[in-house]
């Protein structure tokens, strides 16, 4: 099991500085979003073979794995130009991910928070985008990891299973499991039952877990919390992890510098 963090939670830094910092903080892995993590990269158009090699060498030197190259695109947007940009960028990141030795290239399926009706409207556009990106994933032999989110077109377990069946290629289609992004009703959901069902049905496709915690304030607004201090219940996830015979990466999101040691201990206990 690899314990990691979303690198840009530490801000945007020089490549060597970021790799050294993550090692010093105690992480063995990182999720990288190239334009967000590194000062050398202003946008995807700035990525060069030389920069990729510099990243690869720096992270190898400091023994920080790259389980996820993040490239979160608006794959379900009804605007064909937006979708085309998302597909093209993901296709390029699949090539870069392979060059970096990343485990997967990860994406969600939308940017905005959609209503239930909007999710259904966006769904066929999402399915079309996934088909196109998967053609590139197979061509370059790199893995695409989708992240289900309840307010996006890839909204629930049934839709996720539909996509897995549609693609029919578990070698190249993987999942990032973020339980907190699937918990629509914290106060009334049996998390033990929900996470057990999710991981029983899709666990063979899950390579990465995003770990975070949150509470809802009096206005029902989302508030990030240290791990174990919010509404999330990870007991079922922990039991699933204990049964795995392969490497799974745990990536801390929404990291707070005040609680790094406590969060690392929480993830190791999982």
C-alpha atoms as a PDB file:
ATOM      1  CA  UNK A   1       0.000   0.000   0.000  1.00  0.00           C
ATOM      2  CA  UNK A   2       1.343   3.417  -0.983  1.00  0.00           C
ATOM      3  CA  UNK A   3       0.435   6.488   1.099  1.00  0.00           C
ATOM      4  CA  UNK A   4       0.373   9.696  -0.905  1.00  0.00           C
ATOM      5  CA  UNK A   5      -1.047  13.174  -1.294  1.00  0.00           C
ATOM      6  CA  UNK A   6      -2.330  15.441  -4.031  1.00  0.00           C
ATOM      7  CA  UNK A   7       0.888  17.370  -4.667  1.00  0.00           C
ATOM      8  CA  UNK A   8      -0.663  20.758  -5.390  1.00  0.00           C
ATOM      9  CA  UNK A   9      -2.209  20.788  -1.913  1.00  0.00           C
ATOM     10  CA  UNK A  10       1.305  21.986  -1.030  1.00  0.00           C
ATOM     11  CA  UNK A  11       1.012  24.774  -3.591  1.00  0.00           C
ATOM     12  CA  UNK A  12       2.880  25.225  -6.847  1.00  0.00           C
ATOM     13  CA  UNK A  13       6.616  24.522  -6.502  1.00  0.00           C
ATOM     14  CA  UNK A  14       9.735  23.771  -8.508  1.00  0.00           C
ATOM     15  CA  UNK A  15       9.970  20.135  -9.595  1.00  0.00           C
ATOM     16  CA  UNK A  16      12.949  19.180  -7.437  1.00  0.00           C
ATOM     17  CA  UNK A  17      11.606  21.141  -4.471  1.00  0.00           C
ATOM     18  CA  UNK A  18       8.230  19.388  -4.645  1.00  0.00           C
ATOM     19  CA  UNK A  19       9.712  15.897  -4.825  1.00  0.00           C
ATOM     20  CA  UNK A  20      12.058  16.587  -1.890  1.00  0.00           C
ATOM     21  CA  UNK A  21       9.257  18.121   0.190  1.00  0.00           C
ATOM     22  CA  UNK A  22       6.958  15.137  -0.310  1.00  0.00           C
ATOM     23  CA  UNK A  23       9.713  12.761   0.754  1.00  0.00           C
ATOM     24  CA  UNK A  24      10.450  14.882   3.836  1.00  0.00           C
ATOM     25  CA  UNK A  25       6.759  14.941   4.775  1.00  0.00           C
ATOM     26  CA  UNK A  26       6.645  11.143   4.787  1.00  0.00           C
ATOM     27  CA  UNK A  27       4.771  10.390   1.571  1.00  0.00           C
ATOM     28  CA  UNK A  28       5.689   7.537  -0.732  1.00  0.00           C
ATOM     29  CA  UNK A  29       3.364   8.623  -3.539  1.00  0.00           C
ATOM     30  CA  UNK A  30       1.763  11.681  -5.114  1.00  0.00           C
ATOM     31  CA  UNK A  31      -1.047  12.578  -7.473  1.00  0.00           C
ATOM     32  CA  UNK A  32       0.336  15.094  -9.944  1.00  0.00           C
ATOM     33  CA  UNK A  33      -1.620  17.663 -11.924  1.00  0.00           C
ATOM     34  CA  UNK A  34       1.174  19.124 -14.007  1.00  0.00           C
ATOM     35  CA  UNK A  35       0.000  22.757 -14.413  1.00  0.00           C
ATOM     36  CA  UNK A  36      -1.073  22.954 -10.759  1.00  0.00           C
ATOM     37  CA  UNK A  37       1.951  21.308  -9.134  1.00  0.00           C
ATOM     38  CA  UNK A  38       4.999  22.735 -10.899  1.00  0.00           C
ATOM     39  CA  UNK A  39       6.201  26.280 -11.465  1.00  0.00           C
ATOM     40  CA  UNK A  40       7.923  25.172 -14.670  1.00  0.00           C
ATOM     41  CA  UNK A  41       4.516  24.399 -16.212  1.00  0.00           C
ATOM     42  CA  UNK A  42       2.002  27.195 -16.775  1.00  0.00           C
ATOM     43  CA  UNK A  43      -0.337  25.049 -18.875  1.00  0.00           C
ATOM     44  CA  UNK A  44      -0.370  21.773 -20.757  1.00  0.00           C
ATOM     45  CA  UNK A  45       1.178  23.512 -23.756  1.00  0.00           C
ATOM     46  CA  UNK A  46       4.363  24.008 -21.685  1.00  0.00           C
ATOM     47  CA  UNK A  47       4.987  20.295 -21.168  1.00  0.00           C
ATOM     48  CA  UNK A  48       8.089  19.093 -23.020  1.00  0.00           C
ATOM     49  CA  UNK A  49      10.048  15.819 -23.078  1.00  0.00           C
ATOM     50  CA  UNK A  50      12.753  17.542 -21.053  1.00  0.00           C
ATOM     51  CA  UNK A  51      10.351  18.609 -18.320  1.00  0.00           C
ATOM     52  CA  UNK A  52       8.829  15.135 -18.155  1.00  0.00           C
ATOM     53  CA  UNK A  53      12.275  13.609 -17.763  1.00  0.00           C
ATOM     54  CA  UNK A  54      13.112  16.114 -15.017  1.00  0.00           C
ATOM     55  CA  UNK A  55       9.930  15.140 -13.130  1.00  0.00           C
ATOM     56  CA  UNK A  56      10.587  11.429 -13.565  1.00  0.00           C
ATOM     57  CA  UNK A  57      14.166  11.692 -12.306  1.00  0.00           C
ATOM     58  CA  UNK A  58      13.301  13.945  -9.350  1.00  0.00           C
ATOM     59  CA  UNK A  59      10.535  11.667  -8.112  1.00  0.00           C
ATOM     60  CA  UNK A  60      12.654   8.548  -8.599  1.00  0.00           C
ATOM     61  CA  UNK A  61      15.508  10.203  -6.677  1.00  0.00           C
ATOM     62  CA  UNK A  62      13.239  10.927  -3.710  1.00  0.00           C
ATOM     63  CA  UNK A  63      11.409   7.575  -3.964  1.00  0.00           C
ATOM     64  CA  UNK A  64       7.989   9.152  -4.479  1.00  0.00           C
ATOM     65  CA  UNK A  65       5.802   7.092  -6.814  1.00  0.00           C
ATOM     66  CA  UNK A  66       3.275   8.663  -9.197  1.00  0.00           C
ATOM     67  CA  UNK A  67       0.167   6.464  -8.979  1.00  0.00           C
ATOM     68  CA  UNK A  68      -2.006   9.154 -10.603  1.00  0.00           C
ATOM     69  CA  UNK A  69      -1.353  11.752 -13.255  1.00  0.00           C
ATOM     70  CA  UNK A  70      -4.444  13.922 -12.775  1.00  0.00           C
ATOM     71  CA  UNK A  71      -6.068  15.458 -15.847  1.00  0.00           C
ATOM     72  CA  UNK A  72      -9.634  16.247 -14.830  1.00  0.00           C
ATOM     73  CA  UNK A  73     -11.715  17.079 -17.891  1.00  0.00           C
ATOM     74  CA  UNK A  74     -15.318  18.067 -18.622  1.00  0.00           C
ATOM     75  CA  UNK A  75     -16.085  14.854 -20.520  1.00  0.00           C
ATOM     76  CA  UNK A  76     -19.870  15.107 -20.384  1.00  0.00           C
ATOM     77  CA  UNK A  77     -20.278  18.741 -21.388  1.00  0.00           C
ATOM     78  CA  UNK A  78     -22.923  19.151 -24.132  1.00  0.00           C
ATOM     79  CA  UNK A  79     -20.649  21.683 -25.889  1.00  0.00           C
ATOM     80  CA  UNK A  80     -18.733  19.660 -28.531  1.00  0.00           C
ATOM     81  CA  UNK A  81     -15.726  21.998 -28.410  1.00  0.00           C
ATOM     82  CA  UNK A  82     -15.379  21.554 -24.654  1.00  0.00           C
ATOM     83  CA  UNK A  83     -15.593  17.781 -25.015  1.00  0.00           C
ATOM     84  CA  UNK A  84     -13.123  17.727 -27.883  1.00  0.00           C
ATOM     85  CA  UNK A  85     -10.593  19.661 -25.798  1.00  0.00           C
ATOM     86  CA  UNK A  86     -11.087  17.259 -22.884  1.00  0.00           C
ATOM     87  CA  UNK A  87     -10.609  14.170 -25.049  1.00  0.00           C
ATOM     88  CA  UNK A  88      -7.545  15.596 -26.797  1.00  0.00           C
ATOM     89  CA  UNK A  89      -5.913  16.645 -23.520  1.00  0.00           C
ATOM     90  CA  UNK A  90      -6.552  13.283 -21.898  1.00  0.00           C
ATOM     91  CA  UNK A  91      -5.114  11.497 -24.924  1.00  0.00           C
ATOM     92  CA  UNK A  92      -1.929  13.540 -24.574  1.00  0.00           C
ATOM     93  CA  UNK A  93      -1.775  12.909 -20.826  1.00  0.00           C
ATOM     94  CA  UNK A  94      -2.002   9.169 -21.427  1.00  0.00           C
ATOM     95  CA  UNK A  95       1.234   9.436 -23.422  1.00  0.00           C
ATOM     96  CA  UNK A  96       2.855  11.617 -20.760  1.00  0.00           C
ATOM     97  CA  UNK A  97       1.658   9.324 -17.980  1.00  0.00           C
ATOM     98  CA  UNK A  98       3.352   6.373 -19.601  1.00  0.00           C
ATOM     99  CA  UNK A  99       6.589   8.351 -19.976  1.00  0.00           C
ATOM    100  CA  UNK A 100       6.460   9.310 -16.285  1.00  0.00           C
ATOM    101  CA  UNK A 101       5.766   5.750 -15.164  1.00  0.00           C
ATOM    102  CA  UNK A 102       2.441   6.796 -13.651  1.00  0.00           C
ATOM    103  CA  UNK A 103      -0.022   4.125 -12.593  1.00  0.00           C
ATOM    104  CA  UNK A 104      -3.074   5.745 -14.184  1.00  0.00           C
ATOM    105  CA  UNK A 105      -4.261   8.975 -15.753  1.00  0.00           C
ATOM    106  CA  UNK A 106      -7.212  10.072 -13.644  1.00  0.00           C
ATOM    107  CA  UNK A 107     -10.247  12.168 -14.489  1.00  0.00           C
ATOM    108  CA  UNK A 108     -13.742  12.977 -13.295  1.00  0.00           C
ATOM    109  CA  UNK A 109     -16.503  13.355 -15.896  1.00  0.00           C
ATOM    110  CA  UNK A 110     -17.616  16.976 -15.394  1.00  0.00           C
ATOM    111  CA  UNK A 111     -16.620  20.293 -13.856  1.00  0.00           C
ATOM    112  CA  UNK A 112     -19.896  21.799 -12.566  1.00  0.00           C
ATOM    113  CA  UNK A 113     -22.240  20.520  -9.906  1.00  0.00           C
ATOM    114  CA  UNK A 114     -25.150  19.101 -11.891  1.00  0.00           C
ATOM    115  CA  UNK A 115     -28.772  18.507 -10.973  1.00  0.00           C
ATOM    116  CA  UNK A 116     -30.169  14.995 -11.318  1.00  0.00           C
ATOM    117  CA  UNK A 117     -31.831  15.995 -14.593  1.00  0.00           C
ATOM    118  CA  UNK A 118     -28.643  17.545 -15.964  1.00  0.00           C
ATOM    119  CA  UNK A 119     -26.680  14.390 -15.169  1.00  0.00           C
ATOM    120  CA  UNK A 120     -28.978  12.396 -17.442  1.00  0.00           C
ATOM    121  CA  UNK A 121     -28.659  14.961 -20.226  1.00  0.00           C
ATOM    122  CA  UNK A 122     -24.855  14.895 -19.950  1.00  0.00           C
ATOM    123  CA  UNK A 123     -24.598  11.081 -19.688  1.00  0.00           C
ATOM    124  CA  UNK A 124     -24.582  10.174 -23.428  1.00  0.00           C
ATOM    125  CA  UNK A 125     -21.938  12.826 -24.093  1.00  0.00           C
ATOM    126  CA  UNK A 126     -19.827  11.381 -21.276  1.00  0.00           C
ATOM    127  CA  UNK A 127     -20.164   7.864 -22.705  1.00  0.00           C
ATOM    128  CA  UNK A 128     -19.034   9.051 -26.128  1.00  0.00           C
ATOM    129  CA  UNK A 129     -15.996  10.828 -24.656  1.00  0.00           C
ATOM    130  CA  UNK A 130     -14.987   7.766 -22.648  1.00  0.00           C
ATOM    131  CA  UNK A 131     -15.139   5.590 -25.775  1.00  0.00           C
ATOM    132  CA  UNK A 132     -12.847   8.004 -27.618  1.00  0.00           C
ATOM    133  CA  UNK A 133     -10.320   8.280 -24.788  1.00  0.00           C
ATOM    134  CA  UNK A 134     -10.286   4.513 -24.323  1.00  0.00           C
ATOM    135  CA  UNK A 135      -9.247   4.080 -27.944  1.00  0.00           C
ATOM    136  CA  UNK A 136      -6.139   6.122 -27.143  1.00  0.00           C
ATOM    137  CA  UNK A 137      -5.574   4.251 -23.862  1.00  0.00           C
ATOM    138  CA  UNK A 138      -5.506   0.942 -25.720  1.00  0.00           C
ATOM    139  CA  UNK A 139      -3.325   2.363 -28.483  1.00  0.00           C
ATOM    140  CA  UNK A 140      -0.596   3.592 -26.120  1.00  0.00           C
ATOM    141  CA  UNK A 141      -1.198   0.802 -23.551  1.00  0.00           C
ATOM    142  CA  UNK A 142      -1.857   3.188 -20.644  1.00  0.00           C
ATOM    143  CA  UNK A 143      -4.598   3.054 -18.025  1.00  0.00           C
ATOM    144  CA  UNK A 144      -7.409   5.597 -17.719  1.00  0.00           C
ATOM    145  CA  UNK A 145      -8.984   5.859 -14.256  1.00  0.00           C
ATOM    146  CA  UNK A 146     -12.446   7.370 -13.916  1.00  0.00           C
ATOM    147  CA  UNK A 147     -13.588   8.901 -10.641  1.00  0.00           C
ATOM    148  CA  UNK A 148     -17.328   8.605  -9.913  1.00  0.00           C
ATOM    149  CA  UNK A 149     -18.904  11.649  -8.226  1.00  0.00           C
ATOM    150  CA  UNK A 150     -22.577  11.786  -7.304  1.00  0.00           C
ATOM    151  CA  UNK A 151     -23.133  15.247  -8.829  1.00  0.00           C
ATOM    152  CA  UNK A 152     -21.477  14.307 -12.147  1.00  0.00           C
ATOM    153  CA  UNK A 153     -22.685  12.111 -15.054  1.00  0.00           C
ATOM    154  CA  UNK A 154     -20.720   9.160 -13.633  1.00  0.00           C
ATOM    155  CA  UNK A 155     -23.038   9.518 -10.704  1.00  0.00           C
ATOM    156  CA  UNK A 156     -23.621   6.148  -9.019  1.00  0.00           C
ATOM    157  CA  UNK A 157     -22.747   2.470  -8.866  1.00  0.00           C
ATOM    158  CA  UNK A 158     -25.191   1.469 -11.586  1.00  0.00           C
ATOM    159  CA  UNK A 159     -23.788   4.004 -14.068  1.00  0.00           C
ATOM    160  CA  UNK A 160     -20.219   3.005 -13.190  1.00  0.00           C
ATOM    161  CA  UNK A 161     -20.979  -0.667 -13.840  1.00  0.00           C
ATOM    162  CA  UNK A 162     -22.652   0.303 -17.115  1.00  0.00           C
ATOM    163  CA  UNK A 163     -19.454   2.079 -18.219  1.00  0.00           C
ATOM    164  CA  UNK A 164     -17.270  -0.881 -17.202  1.00  0.00           C
ATOM    165  CA  UNK A 165     -19.482  -3.225 -19.256  1.00  0.00           C
ATOM    166  CA  UNK A 166     -19.540  -0.813 -22.209  1.00  0.00           C
ATOM    167  CA  UNK A 167     -15.744  -0.564 -22.341  1.00  0.00           C
ATOM    168  CA  UNK A 168     -15.114  -4.248 -21.641  1.00  0.00           C
ATOM    169  CA  UNK A 169     -11.415  -3.696 -20.945  1.00  0.00           C
ATOM    170  CA  UNK A 170     -10.471  -3.741 -17.263  1.00  0.00           C
ATOM    171  CA  UNK A 171      -6.791  -3.722 -18.168  1.00  0.00           C
ATOM    172  CA  UNK A 172      -7.024  -0.172 -19.493  1.00  0.00           C
ATOM    173  CA  UNK A 173     -10.114   1.155 -17.668  1.00  0.00           C
ATOM    174  CA  UNK A 174      -9.569   1.600 -13.937  1.00  0.00           C
ATOM    175  CA  UNK A 175     -11.302   3.509 -11.124  1.00  0.00           C
ATOM    176  CA  UNK A 176     -10.386   6.065  -8.483  1.00  0.00           C
ATOM    177  CA  UNK A 177     -12.665   5.450  -5.501  1.00  0.00           C
ATOM    178  CA  UNK A 178     -13.426   8.581  -3.486  1.00  0.00           C
ATOM    179  CA  UNK A 179     -16.075   7.642  -0.929  1.00  0.00           C
ATOM    180  CA  UNK A 180     -16.624  11.233   0.174  1.00  0.00           C
ATOM    181  CA  UNK A 181     -17.610  12.195  -3.399  1.00  0.00           C
ATOM    182  CA  UNK A 182     -20.290   9.488  -3.366  1.00  0.00           C
ATOM    183  CA  UNK A 183     -21.875  10.360  -0.008  1.00  0.00           C
ATOM    184  CA  UNK A 184     -24.865  12.461  -1.012  1.00  0.00           C
ATOM    185  CA  UNK A 185     -26.803  12.064   2.240  1.00  0.00           C
ATOM    186  CA  UNK A 186     -24.341  11.750   5.160  1.00  0.00           C
ATOM    187  CA  UNK A 187     -26.971  11.851   7.869  1.00  0.00           C
ATOM    188  CA  UNK A 188     -29.115   9.001   6.524  1.00  0.00           C
ATOM    189  CA  UNK A 189     -26.712   6.741   4.601  1.00  0.00           C
ATOM    190  CA  UNK A 190     -25.548   3.400   5.933  1.00  0.00           C
ATOM    191  CA  UNK A 191     -21.918   3.821   4.907  1.00  0.00           C
ATOM    192  CA  UNK A 192     -21.014   0.286   5.959  1.00  0.00           C
ATOM    193  CA  UNK A 193     -23.512  -1.118   3.477  1.00  0.00           C
ATOM    194  CA  UNK A 194     -22.800   1.430   0.720  1.00  0.00           C
ATOM    195  CA  UNK A 195     -19.012   1.080   0.648  1.00  0.00           C
ATOM    196  CA  UNK A 196     -19.222  -2.707   0.931  1.00  0.00           C
ATOM    197  CA  UNK A 197     -21.532  -2.787  -2.092  1.00  0.00           C
ATOM    198  CA  UNK A 198     -19.365  -0.403  -4.117  1.00  0.00           C
ATOM    199  CA  UNK A 199     -16.140  -2.298  -3.425  1.00  0.00           C
ATOM    200  CA  UNK A 200     -17.697  -5.715  -3.905  1.00  0.00           C
ATOM    201  CA  UNK A 201     -18.994  -4.698  -7.334  1.00  0.00           C
ATOM    202  CA  UNK A 202     -16.111  -2.520  -8.588  1.00  0.00           C
ATOM    203  CA  UNK A 203     -13.146  -3.270  -6.330  1.00  0.00           C
ATOM    204  CA  UNK A 204     -11.312  -5.282  -8.979  1.00  0.00           C
ATOM    205  CA  UNK A 205     -11.076  -2.057 -11.022  1.00  0.00           C
ATOM    206  CA  UNK A 206     -10.002   0.221  -8.148  1.00  0.00           C
ATOM    207  CA  UNK A 207      -6.307   1.147  -8.114  1.00  0.00           C
ATOM    208  CA  UNK A 208      -6.483   4.366  -6.087  1.00  0.00           C
ATOM    209  CA  UNK A 209      -8.457   5.580  -3.077  1.00  0.00           C
ATOM    210  CA  UNK A 210      -8.890   9.268  -2.410  1.00  0.00           C
ATOM    211  CA  UNK A 211      -9.063   9.797   1.329  1.00  0.00           C
ATOM    212  CA  UNK A 212     -10.674  12.855   2.858  1.00  0.00           C
ATOM    213  CA  UNK A 213     -13.204  13.824   5.505  1.00  0.00           C
ATOM    214  CA  UNK A 214     -15.757  16.594   5.920  1.00  0.00           C
ATOM    215  CA  UNK A 215     -18.605  17.991   7.950  1.00  0.00           C
ATOM    216  CA  UNK A 216     -21.656  20.073   7.062  1.00  0.00           C
ATOM    217  CA  UNK A 217     -22.170  23.421   8.758  1.00  0.00           C
ATOM    218  CA  UNK A 218     -25.526  24.842   9.824  1.00  0.00           C
ATOM    219  CA  UNK A 219     -26.209  25.923   6.245  1.00  0.00           C
ATOM    220  CA  UNK A 220     -25.327  22.397   5.018  1.00  0.00           C
ATOM    221  CA  UNK A 221     -22.161  23.718   3.422  1.00  0.00           C
ATOM    222  CA  UNK A 222     -19.159  21.399   2.952  1.00  0.00           C
ATOM    223  CA  UNK A 223     -16.272  21.866   5.402  1.00  0.00           C
ATOM    224  CA  UNK A 224     -13.022  19.851   5.050  1.00  0.00           C
ATOM    225  CA  UNK A 225     -11.922  18.119   8.260  1.00  0.00           C
ATOM    226  CA  UNK A 226      -8.886  16.161   9.500  1.00  0.00           C
ATOM    227  CA  UNK A 227      -9.253  12.456   8.801  1.00  0.00           C
ATOM    228  CA  UNK A 228     -11.461  10.763  11.358  1.00  0.00           C
ATOM    229  CA  UNK A 229     -12.991  14.031  12.593  1.00  0.00           C
ATOM    230  CA  UNK A 230     -15.873  14.342  10.145  1.00  0.00           C
ATOM    231  CA  UNK A 231     -18.783  12.274   8.846  1.00  0.00           C
ATOM    232  CA  UNK A 232     -16.783   9.684   6.874  1.00  0.00           C
ATOM    233  CA  UNK A 233     -16.709   6.086   8.075  1.00  0.00           C
ATOM    234  CA  UNK A 234     -13.882   4.032   6.586  1.00  0.00           C
ATOM    235  CA  UNK A 235     -14.273   0.699   8.417  1.00  0.00           C
ATOM    236  CA  UNK A 236     -15.659  -1.143   5.377  1.00  0.00           C
ATOM    237  CA  UNK A 237     -12.949   0.366   3.189  1.00  0.00           C
ATOM    238  CA  UNK A 238     -10.294  -0.761   5.658  1.00  0.00           C
ATOM    239  CA  UNK A 239     -11.573  -4.340   5.610  1.00  0.00           C
ATOM    240  CA  UNK A 240     -11.513  -4.328   1.813  1.00  0.00           C
ATOM    241  CA  UNK A 241      -7.925  -3.073   1.820  1.00  0.00           C
ATOM    242  CA  UNK A 242      -6.876  -5.858   4.193  1.00  0.00           C
ATOM    243  CA  UNK A 243      -8.057  -8.404   1.643  1.00  0.00           C
ATOM    244  CA  UNK A 244      -6.110  -6.984  -1.297  1.00  0.00           C
ATOM    245  CA  UNK A 245      -3.074  -8.852  -2.617  1.00  0.00           C
ATOM    246  CA  UNK A 246      -1.969  -6.025  -4.911  1.00  0.00           C
ATOM    247  CA  UNK A 247      -0.699  -2.501  -4.398  1.00  0.00           C
ATOM    248  CA  UNK A 248      -3.390   0.104  -3.764  1.00  0.00           C
ATOM    249  CA  UNK A 249      -2.521   3.790  -3.412  1.00  0.00           C
ATOM    250  CA  UNK A 250      -4.183   5.987  -0.797  1.00  0.00           C
ATOM    251  CA  UNK A 251      -4.082   9.651  -1.789  1.00  0.00           C
ATOM    252  CA  UNK A 252      -4.913  12.359   0.739  1.00  0.00           C
ATOM    253  CA  UNK A 253      -6.919  15.225  -0.734  1.00  0.00           C
ATOM    254  CA  UNK A 254      -7.660  18.588   0.881  1.00  0.00           C
ATOM    255  CA  UNK A 255      -4.586  18.195   3.056  1.00  0.00           C
ATOM    256  CA  UNK A 256      -4.225  20.644   5.945  1.00  0.00           C
ATOM    257  CA  UNK A 257      -0.624  21.365   6.987  1.00  0.00           C
ATOM    258  CA  UNK A 258      -1.666  21.415  10.644  1.00  0.00           C
ATOM    259  CA  UNK A 259      -2.693  17.758  10.585  1.00  0.00           C
ATOM    260  CA  UNK A 260      -0.200  16.039   8.270  1.00  0.00           C
ATOM    261  CA  UNK A 261       1.153  13.626  10.903  1.00  0.00           C
ATOM    262  CA  UNK A 262      -2.293  12.723  12.191  1.00  0.00           C
ATOM    263  CA  UNK A 263      -3.601  12.158   8.667  1.00  0.00           C
ATOM    264  CA  UNK A 264      -0.638   9.961   7.759  1.00  0.00           C
ATOM    265  CA  UNK A 265      -1.237   7.855  10.856  1.00  0.00           C
ATOM    266  CA  UNK A 266      -4.937   7.533   9.970  1.00  0.00           C
ATOM    267  CA  UNK A 267      -4.141   6.313   6.447  1.00  0.00           C
ATOM    268  CA  UNK A 268      -1.523   3.852   7.671  1.00  0.00           C
ATOM    269  CA  UNK A 269      -4.083   2.428  10.093  1.00  0.00           C
ATOM    270  CA  UNK A 270      -6.446   1.791   7.211  1.00  0.00           C
END
